[in-house]
Protein backbone atom coordinates (compact mmCIF):
# COMPACT_ATOMS: atom_id res chain seq x y z
CA MET A 1 0.00 0.00 0.00
CA VAL A 2 1.20 3.52 -0.81
CA ASN A 3 1.82 5.57 2.33
CA GLN A 4 -0.23 8.68 2.79
CA LYS A 5 1.87 11.74 2.05
CA LEU A 6 1.33 15.27 3.27
CA TYR A 7 3.18 18.06 1.50
CA ILE A 8 3.31 21.34 3.41
CA ILE A 9 4.33 24.30 1.27
CA ASN A 10 5.59 27.57 2.66
CA LEU A 11 4.05 27.03 6.11
CA ASN A 12 7.03 26.53 8.41
CA ASN A 13 5.25 26.99 11.75
CA PHE A 14 2.45 24.67 10.78
CA PHE A 15 4.97 22.08 9.59
CA ASP A 16 6.72 22.23 12.99
CA VAL A 17 3.46 21.50 14.82
CA ILE A 18 2.50 18.61 12.51
CA ASN A 19 6.01 17.22 12.63
CA GLU A 20 5.80 17.05 16.43
CA LEU A 21 2.83 14.72 16.07
CA LYS A 22 4.25 12.70 13.19
CA GLU A 23 4.63 9.46 15.13
CA HIS A 24 0.89 9.52 15.96
CA LEU A 25 -0.34 10.36 12.47
CA ASP A 26 0.98 7.53 10.28
CA ILE A 27 1.57 10.01 7.45
CA ASP A 28 4.79 10.82 5.61
CA ILE A 29 5.28 14.57 5.96
CA PHE A 30 7.32 16.72 3.58
CA LYS A 31 8.10 20.42 3.81
CA TYR A 32 8.87 22.77 0.94
CA ASP A 33 9.80 26.36 1.61
CA GLU A 34 9.09 27.53 -1.92
CA ARG A 35 6.17 26.93 -4.25
CA LYS A 36 8.42 27.04 -7.31
CA PHE A 37 10.72 24.31 -6.02
CA PHE A 38 7.77 21.99 -5.28
CA LEU A 39 6.08 22.64 -8.63
CA ASP A 40 9.34 22.06 -10.51
CA LYS A 41 9.69 18.64 -8.86
CA PHE A 42 6.02 17.90 -9.55
CA GLU A 43 6.31 18.81 -13.26
CA LYS A 44 9.41 16.61 -13.58
CA LYS A 45 7.32 13.78 -12.06
CA GLU A 46 9.66 13.50 -9.09
CA ILE A 47 6.61 13.90 -6.83
CA SER A 48 3.57 11.65 -7.17
CA LEU A 49 0.22 12.86 -5.92
CA LYS A 50 -1.12 9.34 -5.48
CA ASN A 51 -2.51 9.18 -1.94
CA SER A 52 -1.15 12.68 -1.29
CA ILE A 53 -2.54 15.95 0.04
CA ILE A 54 -0.85 19.33 -0.33
CA ILE A 55 -1.40 22.11 2.18
CA VAL A 56 -0.73 25.59 0.88
CA PRO A 57 -1.18 29.13 2.22
CA GLU A 58 -4.51 30.70 1.32
CA ASP A 59 -2.88 33.41 -0.81
CA GLU A 60 -1.02 30.80 -2.92
CA TYR A 61 -3.92 28.41 -3.45
CA ASN A 62 -4.93 29.71 -6.90
CA SER A 63 -1.33 29.44 -8.13
CA PHE A 64 -1.38 25.73 -7.33
CA LEU A 65 -4.76 25.16 -8.99
CA LYS A 66 -3.14 25.87 -12.35
CA TYR A 67 -1.08 22.67 -11.97
CA ILE A 68 -2.79 20.44 -9.40
CA LYS A 69 -6.37 19.22 -9.05
CA GLU A 70 -8.46 20.65 -6.26
CA ASP A 71 -8.98 17.25 -4.61
CA SER A 72 -5.27 17.16 -3.76
CA LEU A 73 -5.14 20.66 -2.24
CA ILE A 74 -6.04 22.15 1.11
CA LYS A 75 -6.13 25.91 1.54
CA PHE A 76 -4.58 26.80 4.90
CA ARG A 77 -6.43 29.63 6.70
CA PRO A 78 -5.30 30.35 10.24
CA PRO A 79 -6.41 30.20 12.95
CA ILE A 80 -7.47 26.56 12.88
CA ASN A 81 -8.95 24.10 15.31
CA PHE A 82 -6.16 21.56 15.15
CA PHE A 83 -8.25 18.49 16.05
CA ARG A 84 -10.93 19.39 13.53
CA PHE A 85 -8.20 19.94 10.96
CA LEU A 86 -6.82 16.42 11.58
CA GLU A 87 -10.32 14.92 11.27
CA ASN A 88 -10.85 16.76 7.98
CA LEU A 89 -7.43 15.67 6.76
CA ASN A 90 -8.30 12.02 7.41
CA VAL A 91 -11.57 12.44 5.52
CA ARG A 92 -9.72 14.01 2.59
CA PHE A 93 -7.26 11.10 2.49
CA ILE A 94 -10.16 8.62 2.41
CA GLN A 95 -11.88 10.58 -0.38
CA LYS A 96 -8.62 10.85 -2.32
CA SER A 97 -7.96 7.13 -1.99
CA PHE A 98 -11.48 6.35 -3.22
CA GLN A 99 -11.06 8.76 -6.15
CA ASP A 100 -7.64 7.34 -7.08
CA GLN A 101 -9.09 3.81 -7.16
CA SER A 102 -11.98 4.85 -9.39
CA SER A 103 -9.74 6.24 -12.14
CA ILE A 104 -8.63 3.53 -14.55
CA LYS A 105 -6.07 4.25 -17.28
CA ILE A 106 -6.98 2.65 -20.60
CA LYS A 107 -4.73 3.49 -23.54
CA ASN A 108 -4.73 7.32 -23.76
CA PHE A 109 -7.97 7.61 -21.79
CA VAL A 110 -8.97 7.66 -18.13
CA LEU A 111 -12.18 5.92 -17.18
CA ASP A 112 -13.73 7.35 -14.01
CA THR A 113 -16.14 4.75 -12.71
CA ASN A 114 -17.52 7.08 -10.01
CA SER A 115 -18.60 9.88 -12.31
CA ARG A 116 -19.14 7.49 -15.26
CA THR A 117 -16.97 9.56 -17.56
CA LEU A 118 -14.31 8.80 -20.11
CA LYS A 119 -11.61 11.47 -20.15
CA LYS A 120 -8.85 12.43 -22.53
CA ASN A 121 -6.93 15.70 -22.73
CA ASN A 122 -9.41 18.07 -20.96
CA LYS A 123 -12.47 16.49 -22.62
CA ASN A 124 -15.07 14.37 -20.81
CA LEU A 125 -17.68 12.00 -22.18
CA LYS A 126 -20.58 10.76 -20.04
CA LEU A 127 -21.15 7.01 -20.30
CA THR A 128 -23.97 4.69 -19.31
CA GLU A 129 -23.45 1.94 -16.79
CA ARG A 130 -23.66 -0.66 -19.57
CA GLU A 131 -20.98 1.20 -21.60
CA ILE A 132 -18.70 1.23 -18.56
CA ASP A 133 -19.31 -2.49 -18.07
CA MET A 134 -18.42 -3.17 -21.71
CA ILE A 135 -15.20 -1.16 -21.55
CA LEU A 136 -14.12 -2.79 -18.27
CA PHE A 137 -14.93 -6.27 -19.58
CA LEU A 138 -12.95 -5.66 -22.77
CA LYS A 139 -10.08 -4.14 -20.76
CA ASN A 140 -9.75 -7.34 -18.73
CA ALA A 141 -9.95 -9.61 -21.78
CA GLU A 142 -6.68 -10.94 -23.13
CA ASN A 143 -8.14 -11.86 -26.52
CA PRO A 144 -10.89 -10.40 -28.72
CA VAL A 145 -14.34 -10.98 -27.21
CA ASN A 146 -17.10 -12.28 -29.48
CA ILE A 147 -20.72 -11.12 -29.51
CA ALA A 148 -22.03 -14.23 -27.73
CA THR A 149 -19.65 -13.69 -24.80
CA LEU A 150 -20.64 -10.02 -24.51
CA GLU A 151 -24.33 -11.01 -24.58
CA LYS A 152 -23.78 -13.50 -21.80
CA GLU A 153 -21.42 -11.46 -19.60
CA ILE A 154 -22.69 -7.89 -20.04
CA TRP A 155 -26.38 -8.35 -20.88
CA ARG A 156 -26.76 -11.62 -18.93
CA TYR A 157 -28.66 -13.14 -21.82
CA SER A 158 -28.09 -16.31 -23.71
CA SER A 159 -28.97 -16.64 -27.36
CA GLU A 160 -32.43 -14.98 -27.06
CA LEU A 161 -30.89 -11.52 -27.50
CA GLU A 162 -30.57 -10.40 -31.08
CA THR A 163 -26.96 -10.24 -32.19
CA HIS A 164 -27.54 -6.75 -33.54
CA THR A 165 -28.26 -5.39 -30.05
CA VAL A 166 -24.66 -5.86 -28.92
CA GLU A 167 -23.25 -4.64 -32.22
CA THR A 168 -25.52 -1.56 -32.09
CA HIS A 169 -24.40 -0.71 -28.55
CA ILE A 170 -20.74 -1.04 -29.50
CA TYR A 171 -21.26 0.96 -32.70
CA ARG A 172 -22.96 3.77 -30.73
CA LEU A 173 -20.24 3.77 -28.08
CA ARG A 174 -17.47 3.92 -30.69
CA LYS A 175 -19.32 6.75 -32.45
CA LYS A 176 -19.72 8.71 -29.18
CA ILE A 177 -16.00 8.34 -28.50
CA LYS A 178 -15.03 9.39 -32.02
CA ASP A 179 -17.40 12.38 -32.00
CA GLU A 180 -16.07 13.64 -28.65
CA PHE A 181 -12.36 12.83 -28.93
CA GLY A 182 -11.80 12.40 -32.68
CA ASP A 183 -10.41 8.97 -31.82
CA ASP A 184 -11.88 5.57 -32.62
CA ASP A 185 -8.94 3.46 -31.47
CA LEU A 186 -10.28 2.60 -28.01
CA ILE A 187 -12.50 -0.33 -29.04
CA LEU A 188 -11.14 -2.26 -31.98
CA SER A 189 -13.18 -4.61 -34.14
CA LYS A 190 -11.36 -7.79 -35.12
CA LYS A 191 -12.72 -10.65 -37.19
CA ASN A 192 -13.19 -12.80 -34.07
CA GLY A 193 -14.57 -10.07 -31.75
CA TYR A 194 -13.85 -6.77 -30.01
CA ILE A 195 -10.79 -5.76 -28.04
CA LEU A 196 -9.28 -2.62 -26.51
């Protein structure tokens, strides 16, 4: 399991207080005195935000939003109730962990199973639950999946379902993806079935 990491930027006094409690928190704590130094390391991918929260001064918060998603940031506004802050921090780590687990990288896309969206470059496409199921099933398949298998595994039907139903759903999904992203390479049609 990845340890929880707390990055404290340009908040020396706050870092000192948290660091005193480090042995009770079960969090790896890192201090950066300058925003630029932290962001340089982040852009060079020397810092991973997986299971990480960054605490920044209120007046620097917007500068970080240009580079880092809001779910990884906490705006520090003194004075704080320290115990309430620690409770909120734990909640944020739980939310972040849940969010990290729901994002699945597939080729050049990210599938977010919580929000039911397919993402690529700053574009989002809403998907149905059935479309998500199809993509996840195809992602886990090692070989092309034929229509009969998709009928059985995704629709839970045997041969009563018309073959065209599955083909129509896949056609519509591929068209949605192409219309939104200009890319139809996510689901590939082979002679013996479909594959990602």
